[in-house]
């Protein structure tokens, strides 16, 4: 089985950022949530905040963003996600050809990345989760949490023949794989 990260690996860019900017065009009131999210994301990448601090901040910001976004009369998340992918499927990288047993493991929300996967014919997408009823983040699926969620869903003994990523932050998933590949600007290079 091939297991793949999504953003920067299959998708040329960060789908959550692109989705957020797409929603800003639909409702400019959500613009104020970007600086807070970027502040914590950059500090995490620089090692200045812990995973727990990032998780807590993203949950708070995510809930506020969802409340604002969904407060529009007639709001329909499925329609919004479909409109986003209608405009962005062209950003799936040329190197990627879906295979029947592919699994996507991503920090992006399964609600967003899951639709792209469905369109690509990928039946298993393990991402961060949103609860649209309570307007809260279920869990964030990045760093050391990725293999935990992967194994919880597919089983601890599930073999990963090849793992593809664009980031060393995926080392916990790389460690589980027989082979690993780094994707940089659409070029694939074996690293394990």
N, C-alpha and C. Protein backbone atom coordinates (compact mmCIF):
# COMPACT_ATOMS: atom_id res chain seq x y z
N UNK A 1 0.83 -1.18 0.00
CA UNK A 1 0.00 0.00 0.00
C UNK A 1 0.88 1.24 0.00
N UNK A 2 0.46 2.23 -0.79
CA UNK A 2 1.12 3.54 -0.77
C UNK A 2 0.34 4.44 0.17
N UNK A 3 1.08 5.19 0.98
CA UNK A 3 0.48 6.18 1.87
C UNK A 3 1.10 7.51 1.49
N UNK A 4 0.26 8.52 1.36
CA UNK A 4 0.74 9.80 0.87
C UNK A 4 0.24 10.94 1.74
N UNK A 5 1.12 11.89 2.00
CA UNK A 5 0.71 13.16 2.54
C UNK A 5 -0.04 13.87 1.42
N UNK A 6 -0.79 14.91 1.72
CA UNK A 6 -1.57 15.58 0.70
C UNK A 6 -0.94 16.90 0.27
N UNK A 7 -0.87 17.87 1.19
CA UNK A 7 -0.40 19.21 0.85
C UNK A 7 1.09 19.20 0.54
N UNK A 8 1.44 19.77 -0.60
CA UNK A 8 2.84 19.82 -1.02
C UNK A 8 3.34 18.51 -1.59
N UNK A 9 2.54 17.46 -1.49
CA UNK A 9 2.93 16.14 -1.97
C UNK A 9 2.09 15.76 -3.19
N UNK A 10 0.78 15.70 -3.01
CA UNK A 10 -0.13 15.46 -4.12
C UNK A 10 -0.66 16.80 -4.63
N UNK A 11 -0.97 17.68 -3.70
CA UNK A 11 -1.55 18.99 -4.01
C UNK A 11 -0.44 20.04 -4.01
N UNK A 12 -0.40 20.82 -5.05
CA UNK A 12 0.63 21.85 -5.18
C UNK A 12 0.24 23.08 -4.35
N UNK A 13 0.60 23.04 -3.09
CA UNK A 13 0.29 24.12 -2.17
C UNK A 13 -0.25 23.57 -0.86
N UNK A 14 -0.87 24.46 -0.10
CA UNK A 14 -1.50 24.11 1.17
C UNK A 14 -3.00 24.26 0.97
N UNK A 15 -3.70 23.15 0.91
CA UNK A 15 -5.13 23.21 0.58
C UNK A 15 -5.94 23.96 1.63
N UNK A 16 -5.56 23.85 2.91
CA UNK A 16 -6.32 24.57 3.93
C UNK A 16 -6.16 26.08 3.78
N UNK A 17 -4.96 26.53 3.48
CA UNK A 17 -4.76 27.96 3.25
C UNK A 17 -5.53 28.40 2.01
N UNK A 18 -5.45 27.61 0.95
CA UNK A 18 -6.19 27.95 -0.27
C UNK A 18 -7.70 27.95 -0.02
N UNK A 19 -8.18 26.99 0.76
CA UNK A 19 -9.60 26.94 1.09
C UNK A 19 -10.00 28.16 1.92
N UNK A 20 -9.16 28.49 2.88
CA UNK A 20 -9.43 29.67 3.71
C UNK A 20 -9.52 30.92 2.83
N UNK A 21 -8.56 31.12 1.94
CA UNK A 21 -8.58 32.30 1.06
C UNK A 21 -9.80 32.27 0.14
N UNK A 22 -10.21 31.08 -0.27
CA UNK A 22 -11.43 30.92 -1.07
C UNK A 22 -12.65 31.36 -0.26
N UNK A 23 -12.69 31.00 1.03
CA UNK A 23 -13.84 31.40 1.85
C UNK A 23 -13.83 32.90 2.14
N UNK A 24 -12.65 33.51 2.17
CA UNK A 24 -12.56 34.96 2.37
C UNK A 24 -13.26 35.68 1.22
N UNK A 25 -13.10 35.16 0.01
CA UNK A 25 -13.77 35.78 -1.13
C UNK A 25 -15.29 35.66 -1.02
N UNK A 26 -15.74 34.60 -0.37
CA UNK A 26 -17.18 34.40 -0.17
C UNK A 26 -17.71 35.21 1.01
N UNK A 27 -16.88 35.35 2.05
CA UNK A 27 -17.29 36.07 3.26
C UNK A 27 -16.07 36.75 3.88
N UNK A 28 -15.81 38.02 3.51
CA UNK A 28 -14.62 38.72 3.99
C UNK A 28 -14.52 38.83 5.51
N UNK A 29 -15.62 38.58 6.23
CA UNK A 29 -15.57 38.66 7.70
C UNK A 29 -14.63 37.63 8.31
N UNK A 30 -14.31 36.57 7.59
CA UNK A 30 -13.44 35.53 8.15
C UNK A 30 -11.95 35.87 8.01
N UNK A 31 -11.64 36.98 7.39
CA UNK A 31 -10.25 37.36 7.15
C UNK A 31 -9.44 37.50 8.44
N UNK A 32 -10.06 37.92 9.50
CA UNK A 32 -9.34 38.17 10.75
C UNK A 32 -8.74 36.94 11.42
N UNK A 33 -9.07 35.75 10.97
CA UNK A 33 -8.56 34.54 11.62
C UNK A 33 -7.20 34.10 11.07
N UNK A 34 -6.82 34.61 9.92
CA UNK A 34 -5.55 34.20 9.31
C UNK A 34 -4.32 34.60 10.12
N UNK A 35 -4.21 35.84 10.59
CA UNK A 35 -2.99 36.21 11.32
C UNK A 35 -2.73 35.35 12.55
N UNK A 36 -3.77 35.00 13.28
CA UNK A 36 -3.60 34.18 14.48
C UNK A 36 -3.13 32.78 14.11
N UNK A 37 -3.76 32.19 13.11
CA UNK A 37 -3.38 30.84 12.68
C UNK A 37 -1.95 30.81 12.15
N UNK A 38 -1.59 31.80 11.34
CA UNK A 38 -0.23 31.86 10.80
C UNK A 38 0.81 32.07 11.90
N UNK A 39 0.49 32.92 12.87
CA UNK A 39 1.38 33.19 13.98
C UNK A 39 1.77 31.88 14.68
N UNK A 40 0.77 31.07 15.02
CA UNK A 40 1.06 29.81 15.71
C UNK A 40 1.72 28.78 14.80
N UNK A 41 1.31 28.72 13.55
CA UNK A 41 1.91 27.76 12.62
C UNK A 41 3.39 28.05 12.40
N UNK A 42 3.73 29.33 12.21
CA UNK A 42 5.13 29.70 12.00
C UNK A 42 5.94 29.44 13.26
N UNK A 43 5.39 29.79 14.41
CA UNK A 43 6.12 29.56 15.67
C UNK A 43 6.33 28.06 15.92
N UNK A 44 5.37 27.23 15.53
CA UNK A 44 5.54 25.79 15.67
C UNK A 44 6.66 25.30 14.76
N UNK A 45 6.65 25.74 13.51
CA UNK A 45 7.71 25.33 12.56
C UNK A 45 9.09 25.74 13.04
N UNK A 46 9.16 26.88 13.75
CA UNK A 46 10.44 27.37 14.27
C UNK A 46 10.80 26.76 15.62
N UNK A 47 9.92 25.91 16.15
CA UNK A 47 10.19 25.27 17.44
C UNK A 47 9.94 26.17 18.63
N UNK A 48 9.14 27.22 18.47
CA UNK A 48 8.91 28.17 19.55
C UNK A 48 7.64 27.91 20.34
N UNK A 49 6.76 27.07 19.81
CA UNK A 49 5.59 26.61 20.57
C UNK A 49 5.53 25.10 20.43
N UNK A 50 4.95 24.48 21.42
CA UNK A 50 4.84 23.02 21.42
C UNK A 50 3.66 22.58 20.55
N UNK A 51 3.64 21.31 20.26
CA UNK A 51 2.52 20.73 19.52
C UNK A 51 1.22 20.95 20.28
N UNK A 52 1.26 20.83 21.60
CA UNK A 52 0.07 21.03 22.41
C UNK A 52 -0.43 22.47 22.33
N UNK A 53 0.50 23.43 22.35
CA UNK A 53 0.11 24.84 22.23
C UNK A 53 -0.49 25.13 20.86
N UNK A 54 0.12 24.56 19.82
CA UNK A 54 -0.41 24.73 18.47
C UNK A 54 -1.80 24.12 18.37
N UNK A 55 -1.96 22.92 18.89
CA UNK A 55 -3.24 22.23 18.87
C UNK A 55 -4.32 23.07 19.55
N UNK A 56 -4.02 23.58 20.73
CA UNK A 56 -4.98 24.40 21.48
C UNK A 56 -5.35 25.67 20.72
N UNK A 57 -4.35 26.35 20.17
CA UNK A 57 -4.62 27.59 19.43
C UNK A 57 -5.45 27.31 18.18
N UNK A 58 -5.12 26.26 17.45
CA UNK A 58 -5.85 25.95 16.22
C UNK A 58 -7.29 25.54 16.52
N UNK A 59 -7.51 24.88 17.63
CA UNK A 59 -8.88 24.53 18.02
C UNK A 59 -9.70 25.80 18.28
N UNK A 60 -9.12 26.74 19.02
CA UNK A 60 -9.83 27.99 19.33
C UNK A 60 -10.12 28.78 18.05
N UNK A 61 -9.07 28.96 17.24
CA UNK A 61 -9.23 29.73 16.01
C UNK A 61 -10.18 29.02 15.05
N UNK A 62 -10.04 27.71 14.94
CA UNK A 62 -10.89 26.94 14.04
C UNK A 62 -12.36 27.03 14.42
N UNK A 63 -12.67 26.96 15.69
CA UNK A 63 -14.06 27.05 16.13
C UNK A 63 -14.65 28.43 15.84
N UNK A 64 -13.86 29.48 16.10
CA UNK A 64 -14.35 30.84 15.82
C UNK A 64 -14.57 31.04 14.32
N UNK A 65 -13.62 30.55 13.53
CA UNK A 65 -13.74 30.65 12.08
C UNK A 65 -14.99 29.93 11.59
N UNK A 66 -15.20 28.70 12.07
CA UNK A 66 -16.38 27.93 11.64
C UNK A 66 -17.68 28.62 12.04
N UNK A 67 -17.73 29.16 13.27
CA UNK A 67 -18.94 29.87 13.69
C UNK A 67 -19.24 31.05 12.77
N UNK A 68 -18.20 31.80 12.44
CA UNK A 68 -18.39 32.97 11.56
C UNK A 68 -18.80 32.52 10.16
N UNK A 69 -18.08 31.53 9.63
CA UNK A 69 -18.33 31.08 8.27
C UNK A 69 -19.74 30.51 8.11
N UNK A 70 -20.17 29.71 9.06
CA UNK A 70 -21.46 29.03 8.93
C UNK A 70 -22.63 29.91 9.35
N UNK A 71 -22.37 31.11 9.82
CA UNK A 71 -23.46 31.99 10.26
C UNK A 71 -24.18 32.67 9.09
N UNK A 72 -23.63 32.55 7.90
CA UNK A 72 -24.28 33.14 6.72
C UNK A 72 -25.60 32.43 6.43
N UNK A 73 -26.64 33.18 6.12
CA UNK A 73 -27.92 32.54 5.75
C UNK A 73 -27.73 31.63 4.54
N UNK A 74 -28.32 30.44 4.61
CA UNK A 74 -28.26 29.51 3.49
C UNK A 74 -26.90 28.85 3.30
N UNK A 75 -26.04 28.92 4.31
CA UNK A 75 -24.70 28.34 4.19
C UNK A 75 -24.80 26.84 3.95
N UNK A 76 -23.96 26.33 3.04
CA UNK A 76 -23.92 24.91 2.71
C UNK A 76 -22.44 24.52 2.54
N UNK A 77 -21.88 23.84 3.53
CA UNK A 77 -20.46 23.48 3.51
C UNK A 77 -20.13 22.57 2.34
N UNK A 78 -20.98 21.59 2.08
CA UNK A 78 -20.69 20.67 0.96
C UNK A 78 -20.61 21.44 -0.36
N UNK A 79 -21.52 22.37 -0.57
CA UNK A 79 -21.49 23.16 -1.80
C UNK A 79 -20.22 24.00 -1.88
N UNK A 80 -19.83 24.59 -0.75
CA UNK A 80 -18.61 25.41 -0.70
C UNK A 80 -17.37 24.57 -1.02
N UNK A 81 -17.27 23.40 -0.42
CA UNK A 81 -16.13 22.51 -0.67
C UNK A 81 -16.10 22.08 -2.14
N UNK A 82 -17.26 21.76 -2.70
CA UNK A 82 -17.32 21.38 -4.11
C UNK A 82 -16.91 22.53 -5.02
N UNK A 83 -17.35 23.74 -4.71
CA UNK A 83 -16.95 24.91 -5.50
C UNK A 83 -15.44 25.11 -5.43
N UNK A 84 -14.88 24.92 -4.24
CA UNK A 84 -13.43 25.05 -4.07
C UNK A 84 -12.69 24.07 -4.97
N UNK A 85 -13.11 22.80 -4.95
CA UNK A 85 -12.39 21.81 -5.75
C UNK A 85 -12.67 21.95 -7.24
N UNK A 86 -13.83 22.46 -7.60
CA UNK A 86 -14.08 22.76 -9.02
C UNK A 86 -13.03 23.74 -9.53
N UNK A 87 -12.62 24.66 -8.66
CA UNK A 87 -11.65 25.69 -9.04
C UNK A 87 -10.19 25.27 -8.81
N UNK A 88 -9.95 24.18 -8.05
CA UNK A 88 -8.57 23.87 -7.65
C UNK A 88 -8.06 22.47 -7.96
N UNK A 89 -8.85 21.62 -8.60
CA UNK A 89 -8.36 20.28 -8.92
C UNK A 89 -7.15 20.33 -9.85
N UNK A 90 -7.00 21.40 -10.59
CA UNK A 90 -5.85 21.54 -11.49
C UNK A 90 -4.53 21.60 -10.71
N UNK A 91 -4.59 21.78 -9.39
CA UNK A 91 -3.37 21.86 -8.57
C UNK A 91 -2.89 20.49 -8.08
N UNK A 92 -3.56 19.42 -8.51
CA UNK A 92 -3.04 18.08 -8.21
C UNK A 92 -1.81 17.90 -9.11
N UNK A 93 -0.70 17.51 -8.50
CA UNK A 93 0.57 17.44 -9.23
C UNK A 93 0.58 16.35 -10.30
N UNK A 94 1.27 16.65 -11.38
CA UNK A 94 1.34 15.74 -12.53
C UNK A 94 1.99 14.40 -12.20
N UNK A 95 2.90 14.36 -11.24
CA UNK A 95 3.60 13.11 -10.94
C UNK A 95 2.66 12.07 -10.37
N UNK A 96 1.56 12.52 -9.77
CA UNK A 96 0.69 11.62 -9.02
C UNK A 96 -0.36 10.95 -9.90
N UNK A 97 -0.35 9.62 -9.90
CA UNK A 97 -1.38 8.81 -10.54
C UNK A 97 -1.98 7.92 -9.46
N UNK A 98 -3.26 8.10 -9.15
CA UNK A 98 -3.88 7.31 -8.07
C UNK A 98 -3.82 5.82 -8.34
N UNK A 99 -3.62 5.05 -7.26
CA UNK A 99 -3.67 3.60 -7.32
C UNK A 99 -4.75 3.13 -6.37
N UNK A 100 -5.27 1.95 -6.61
CA UNK A 100 -6.43 1.44 -5.88
C UNK A 100 -6.23 1.38 -4.37
N UNK A 101 -5.01 1.09 -3.92
CA UNK A 101 -4.80 0.94 -2.48
C UNK A 101 -4.17 2.17 -1.82
N UNK A 102 -4.16 3.31 -2.51
CA UNK A 102 -3.59 4.54 -1.92
C UNK A 102 -4.39 4.98 -0.69
N UNK A 103 -3.64 5.50 0.28
CA UNK A 103 -4.23 6.09 1.48
C UNK A 103 -3.59 7.46 1.65
N UNK A 104 -4.42 8.47 1.85
CA UNK A 104 -3.91 9.81 2.13
C UNK A 104 -3.98 10.04 3.64
N UNK A 105 -2.86 10.48 4.21
CA UNK A 105 -2.78 10.83 5.63
C UNK A 105 -2.33 12.28 5.68
N UNK A 106 -3.22 13.16 6.13
CA UNK A 106 -2.95 14.59 6.00
C UNK A 106 -3.36 15.37 7.24
N UNK A 107 -2.71 16.49 7.43
CA UNK A 107 -3.10 17.43 8.48
C UNK A 107 -4.31 18.24 8.04
N UNK A 108 -4.57 18.30 6.74
CA UNK A 108 -5.73 19.03 6.25
C UNK A 108 -7.01 18.36 6.75
N UNK A 109 -8.07 19.13 6.78
CA UNK A 109 -9.32 18.57 7.26
C UNK A 109 -9.89 17.59 6.25
N UNK A 110 -10.35 16.45 6.77
CA UNK A 110 -10.88 15.41 5.89
C UNK A 110 -12.06 15.92 5.08
N UNK A 111 -12.77 16.89 5.59
CA UNK A 111 -13.90 17.48 4.87
C UNK A 111 -13.43 18.11 3.56
N UNK A 112 -12.27 18.77 3.59
CA UNK A 112 -11.75 19.44 2.39
C UNK A 112 -10.93 18.46 1.54
N UNK A 113 -9.88 17.88 2.11
CA UNK A 113 -9.02 16.96 1.35
C UNK A 113 -9.79 15.72 0.91
N UNK A 114 -10.77 15.31 1.71
CA UNK A 114 -11.55 14.13 1.37
C UNK A 114 -12.30 14.25 0.05
N UNK A 115 -12.77 15.45 -0.27
CA UNK A 115 -13.47 15.64 -1.54
C UNK A 115 -12.51 15.51 -2.72
N UNK A 116 -11.30 16.04 -2.58
CA UNK A 116 -10.31 15.87 -3.64
C UNK A 116 -9.98 14.39 -3.80
N UNK A 117 -9.82 13.69 -2.69
CA UNK A 117 -9.54 12.26 -2.75
C UNK A 117 -10.67 11.51 -3.45
N UNK A 118 -11.90 11.84 -3.10
CA UNK A 118 -13.05 11.19 -3.74
C UNK A 118 -12.99 11.39 -5.26
N UNK A 119 -12.68 12.61 -5.67
CA UNK A 119 -12.61 12.91 -7.11
C UNK A 119 -11.47 12.15 -7.79
N UNK A 120 -10.41 11.87 -7.03
CA UNK A 120 -9.26 11.12 -7.57
C UNK A 120 -9.47 9.61 -7.51
N UNK A 121 -10.53 9.16 -6.83
CA UNK A 121 -10.79 7.74 -6.69
C UNK A 121 -10.11 7.12 -5.48
N UNK A 122 -9.62 7.95 -4.57
CA UNK A 122 -8.99 7.47 -3.34
C UNK A 122 -10.08 7.28 -2.30
N UNK A 123 -10.22 6.08 -1.77
CA UNK A 123 -11.32 5.79 -0.85
C UNK A 123 -10.96 6.01 0.62
N UNK A 124 -9.66 6.13 0.91
CA UNK A 124 -9.26 6.30 2.32
C UNK A 124 -8.45 7.58 2.49
N UNK A 125 -9.04 8.53 3.21
CA UNK A 125 -8.39 9.80 3.54
C UNK A 125 -8.47 9.99 5.04
N UNK A 126 -7.32 10.01 5.68
CA UNK A 126 -7.25 10.19 7.13
C UNK A 126 -6.71 11.58 7.38
N UNK A 127 -7.59 12.47 7.80
CA UNK A 127 -7.20 13.86 8.01
C UNK A 127 -7.67 14.37 9.34
N UNK A 128 -7.37 15.63 9.59
CA UNK A 128 -7.92 16.29 10.77
C UNK A 128 -9.43 16.34 10.60
N UNK A 129 -10.15 16.40 11.71
CA UNK A 129 -11.60 16.32 11.63
C UNK A 129 -12.27 17.58 12.18
N UNK A 130 -13.44 17.85 11.62
CA UNK A 130 -14.30 18.94 12.08
C UNK A 130 -15.65 18.34 12.44
N UNK A 131 -16.24 18.87 13.51
CA UNK A 131 -17.62 18.53 13.86
C UNK A 131 -18.46 19.75 13.51
N UNK A 132 -19.19 19.67 12.40
CA UNK A 132 -19.96 20.82 11.94
C UNK A 132 -21.20 21.09 12.79
N UNK A 133 -21.63 20.11 13.57
CA UNK A 133 -22.76 20.35 14.46
C UNK A 133 -22.34 21.21 15.65
N UNK A 134 -21.22 20.86 16.27
CA UNK A 134 -20.75 21.64 17.43
C UNK A 134 -19.80 22.76 17.02
N UNK A 135 -19.43 22.78 15.74
CA UNK A 135 -18.48 23.77 15.19
C UNK A 135 -17.16 23.75 15.95
N UNK A 136 -16.64 22.52 16.12
CA UNK A 136 -15.37 22.35 16.80
C UNK A 136 -14.45 21.46 15.98
N UNK A 137 -13.17 21.55 16.29
CA UNK A 137 -12.16 20.68 15.68
C UNK A 137 -12.16 19.38 16.48
N UNK A 138 -12.32 18.26 15.78
CA UNK A 138 -12.29 16.96 16.45
C UNK A 138 -10.88 16.61 16.88
N UNK A 139 -10.01 16.42 15.93
CA UNK A 139 -8.58 16.24 16.21
C UNK A 139 -7.77 16.77 15.05
N UNK A 140 -6.54 17.14 15.38
CA UNK A 140 -5.59 17.60 14.37
C UNK A 140 -4.64 16.46 14.08
N UNK A 141 -4.43 16.18 12.82
CA UNK A 141 -3.68 15.01 12.38
C UNK A 141 -2.34 15.44 11.78
N UNK A 142 -1.39 15.79 12.64
CA UNK A 142 -0.07 16.14 12.11
C UNK A 142 1.02 15.69 13.08
N UNK A 143 2.25 15.69 12.54
CA UNK A 143 3.41 15.30 13.35
C UNK A 143 3.26 13.91 13.92
N UNK A 144 3.53 13.77 15.22
CA UNK A 144 3.50 12.44 15.83
C UNK A 144 2.11 11.83 15.91
N UNK A 145 1.06 12.62 15.68
CA UNK A 145 -0.30 12.08 15.72
C UNK A 145 -0.68 11.33 14.45
N UNK A 146 -0.02 11.62 13.33
CA UNK A 146 -0.37 10.95 12.07
C UNK A 146 -0.31 9.43 12.17
N UNK A 147 0.81 8.85 12.65
CA UNK A 147 0.82 7.39 12.71
C UNK A 147 -0.18 6.83 13.71
N UNK A 148 -0.47 7.58 14.78
CA UNK A 148 -1.46 7.11 15.76
C UNK A 148 -2.84 6.98 15.13
N UNK A 149 -3.26 8.00 14.38
CA UNK A 149 -4.56 7.96 13.73
C UNK A 149 -4.58 6.93 12.60
N UNK A 150 -3.48 6.84 11.86
CA UNK A 150 -3.37 5.85 10.80
C UNK A 150 -3.56 4.45 11.36
N UNK A 151 -2.83 4.13 12.43
CA UNK A 151 -2.91 2.80 13.01
C UNK A 151 -4.25 2.54 13.71
N UNK A 152 -4.84 3.58 14.29
CA UNK A 152 -6.15 3.43 14.93
C UNK A 152 -7.20 3.06 13.88
N UNK A 153 -7.10 3.65 12.70
CA UNK A 153 -8.10 3.43 11.66
C UNK A 153 -7.82 2.17 10.85
N UNK A 154 -6.57 1.92 10.50
CA UNK A 154 -6.24 0.79 9.62
C UNK A 154 -5.61 -0.39 10.34
N UNK A 155 -5.28 -0.24 11.62
CA UNK A 155 -4.69 -1.34 12.38
C UNK A 155 -3.19 -1.18 12.54
N UNK A 156 -2.70 -1.59 13.69
CA UNK A 156 -1.27 -1.43 14.01
C UNK A 156 -0.36 -2.24 13.11
N UNK A 157 -0.87 -3.31 12.55
CA UNK A 157 -0.02 -4.18 11.73
C UNK A 157 -0.11 -3.86 10.24
N UNK A 158 -0.80 -2.79 9.89
CA UNK A 158 -0.93 -2.43 8.47
C UNK A 158 0.43 -2.03 7.92
N UNK A 159 0.85 -2.69 6.86
CA UNK A 159 2.16 -2.45 6.25
C UNK A 159 2.08 -1.29 5.25
N UNK A 160 3.04 -0.40 5.35
CA UNK A 160 3.16 0.71 4.40
C UNK A 160 4.34 0.39 3.49
N UNK A 161 4.04 0.08 2.23
CA UNK A 161 5.10 -0.23 1.28
C UNK A 161 5.90 1.02 0.93
N UNK A 162 5.18 2.14 0.73
CA UNK A 162 5.85 3.39 0.36
C UNK A 162 5.08 4.56 0.94
N UNK A 163 5.83 5.53 1.47
CA UNK A 163 5.24 6.75 2.01
C UNK A 163 5.82 7.94 1.26
N UNK A 164 4.97 8.86 0.86
CA UNK A 164 5.37 10.05 0.11
C UNK A 164 5.02 11.30 0.91
N UNK A 165 5.97 12.22 1.00
CA UNK A 165 5.75 13.45 1.76
C UNK A 165 6.60 14.57 1.17
N UNK A 166 6.33 15.77 1.63
CA UNK A 166 7.15 16.92 1.26
C UNK A 166 7.86 17.49 2.48
N UNK A 167 7.75 16.82 3.64
CA UNK A 167 8.22 17.43 4.87
C UNK A 167 8.88 16.44 5.83
N UNK A 168 9.96 16.88 6.44
CA UNK A 168 10.62 16.09 7.48
C UNK A 168 9.74 15.98 8.73
N UNK A 169 8.71 16.82 8.85
CA UNK A 169 7.77 16.72 9.97
C UNK A 169 7.03 15.38 9.94
N UNK A 170 7.07 14.70 8.80
CA UNK A 170 6.41 13.40 8.68
C UNK A 170 7.34 12.24 9.04
N UNK A 171 8.42 12.51 9.73
CA UNK A 171 9.35 11.44 10.13
C UNK A 171 8.65 10.28 10.84
N UNK A 172 7.66 10.52 11.72
CA UNK A 172 6.98 9.38 12.34
C UNK A 172 6.31 8.45 11.33
N UNK A 173 5.81 8.99 10.22
CA UNK A 173 5.23 8.14 9.18
C UNK A 173 6.32 7.49 8.35
N UNK A 174 7.39 8.22 8.09
CA UNK A 174 8.52 7.67 7.34
C UNK A 174 9.06 6.44 8.06
N UNK A 175 9.14 6.53 9.38
CA UNK A 175 9.66 5.42 10.19
C UNK A 175 8.81 4.15 10.04
N UNK A 176 7.52 4.30 9.78
CA UNK A 176 6.64 3.14 9.63
C UNK A 176 6.74 2.48 8.26
N UNK A 177 7.27 3.19 7.28
CA UNK A 177 7.24 2.72 5.90
C UNK A 177 8.48 1.91 5.53
N UNK A 178 8.29 0.96 4.61
CA UNK A 178 9.43 0.21 4.07
C UNK A 178 10.31 1.11 3.20
N UNK A 179 9.65 1.95 2.38
CA UNK A 179 10.34 2.91 1.53
C UNK A 179 9.69 4.27 1.75
N UNK A 180 10.47 5.33 1.57
CA UNK A 180 9.91 6.68 1.70
C UNK A 180 10.46 7.56 0.59
N UNK A 181 9.63 8.52 0.19
CA UNK A 181 9.97 9.41 -0.91
C UNK A 181 9.69 10.85 -0.50
N UNK A 182 10.59 11.75 -0.87
CA UNK A 182 10.41 13.17 -0.65
C UNK A 182 9.96 13.78 -1.97
N UNK A 183 8.90 14.57 -1.90
CA UNK A 183 8.38 15.27 -3.08
C UNK A 183 8.73 16.73 -2.94
N UNK A 184 9.51 17.24 -3.88
CA UNK A 184 9.92 18.65 -3.86
C UNK A 184 9.63 19.26 -5.21
N UNK A 185 8.71 20.21 -5.23
CA UNK A 185 8.33 20.91 -6.46
C UNK A 185 7.92 19.92 -7.56
N UNK A 186 7.19 18.88 -7.16
CA UNK A 186 6.70 17.92 -8.13
C UNK A 186 7.70 16.85 -8.53
N UNK A 187 8.91 16.89 -7.98
CA UNK A 187 9.91 15.85 -8.26
C UNK A 187 9.98 14.89 -7.07
N UNK A 188 10.04 13.62 -7.36
CA UNK A 188 10.02 12.58 -6.35
C UNK A 188 11.41 11.97 -6.22
N UNK A 189 11.89 11.91 -4.96
CA UNK A 189 13.22 11.38 -4.69
C UNK A 189 13.13 10.40 -3.52
N UNK A 190 13.70 9.21 -3.69
CA UNK A 190 13.68 8.21 -2.62
C UNK A 190 14.63 8.65 -1.49
N UNK A 191 14.13 8.57 -0.25
CA UNK A 191 14.95 8.92 0.92
C UNK A 191 15.13 7.78 1.88
N UNK A 192 14.43 6.68 1.66
CA UNK A 192 14.56 5.50 2.52
C UNK A 192 14.30 4.26 1.70
